[in-house]
Amino acid sequence: MILLNFARKKLILLLTGITLLAMTNSCGIYAPSDARKVPPGSQAKMKKNLEEGKGMSLQKLRGGSTNFQFASSNPLWRATLEILDFLPLSNVDYSGGIISTDWYNEGAASDESIKITVRFLSNEIRADGLKIIIHKKKCGIEKNCTVKKVSSALESELQVAILKKAVIFQEEFIRKNKTKRSEIK
């Protein structure tokens, strides 16, 4: 029996070794290249790789321009953060286009809390560029809580406030750019 266990261990070790050898060999970890076929200089190598489909270019993806949008330069995003600054935030994801607050209770009704989620559907300052969702949590005496999505005037009030603030941020941005351009000339 001891000899049988030893043989099993040897067999498993051998099969593992063969599997690892086959996997590393097929991965192409080491692929020698011919120096005569590789162009000198990084620009030439990059061009050759792009022609062969081995890389990507931001210029090709963006139509020749590299215009990156950051959260601090998006007026809709900045306006939303400023309007909701009195609430504790639980999830803020610029790339996912969502801002979600934590449960908030004003103190008027100790058993009720609200949670606001703002989804960005567009970077443009438009009424349909935002979706505001409000959830209300009501907890009973025994801490049995129910959560419901509610439609209230608060949704439209928040949307109007965010859009107004975003327009102000956009106008400030345009005014600053005009001032910078006039200073350069």
Foldseek 3Di string as FASTA:
>chain_A
DVVVVVVVVVVVVVVVVVVVVVVVVVVCPDDDDDPVPQDPDPVSNVVVCVVVVNDDDVCVVVVHDDDDDDLVLQLLSVLLCVVCVVFAWDDDDVVQQKTKGDWDDPPPDPQKTKIKMKGAQDSDLDLVRIDIWMKMWGADPVRPIDIDIDDDVVRVVSSVSSSVRSVVSVVVVVVVVVVVVVVVD
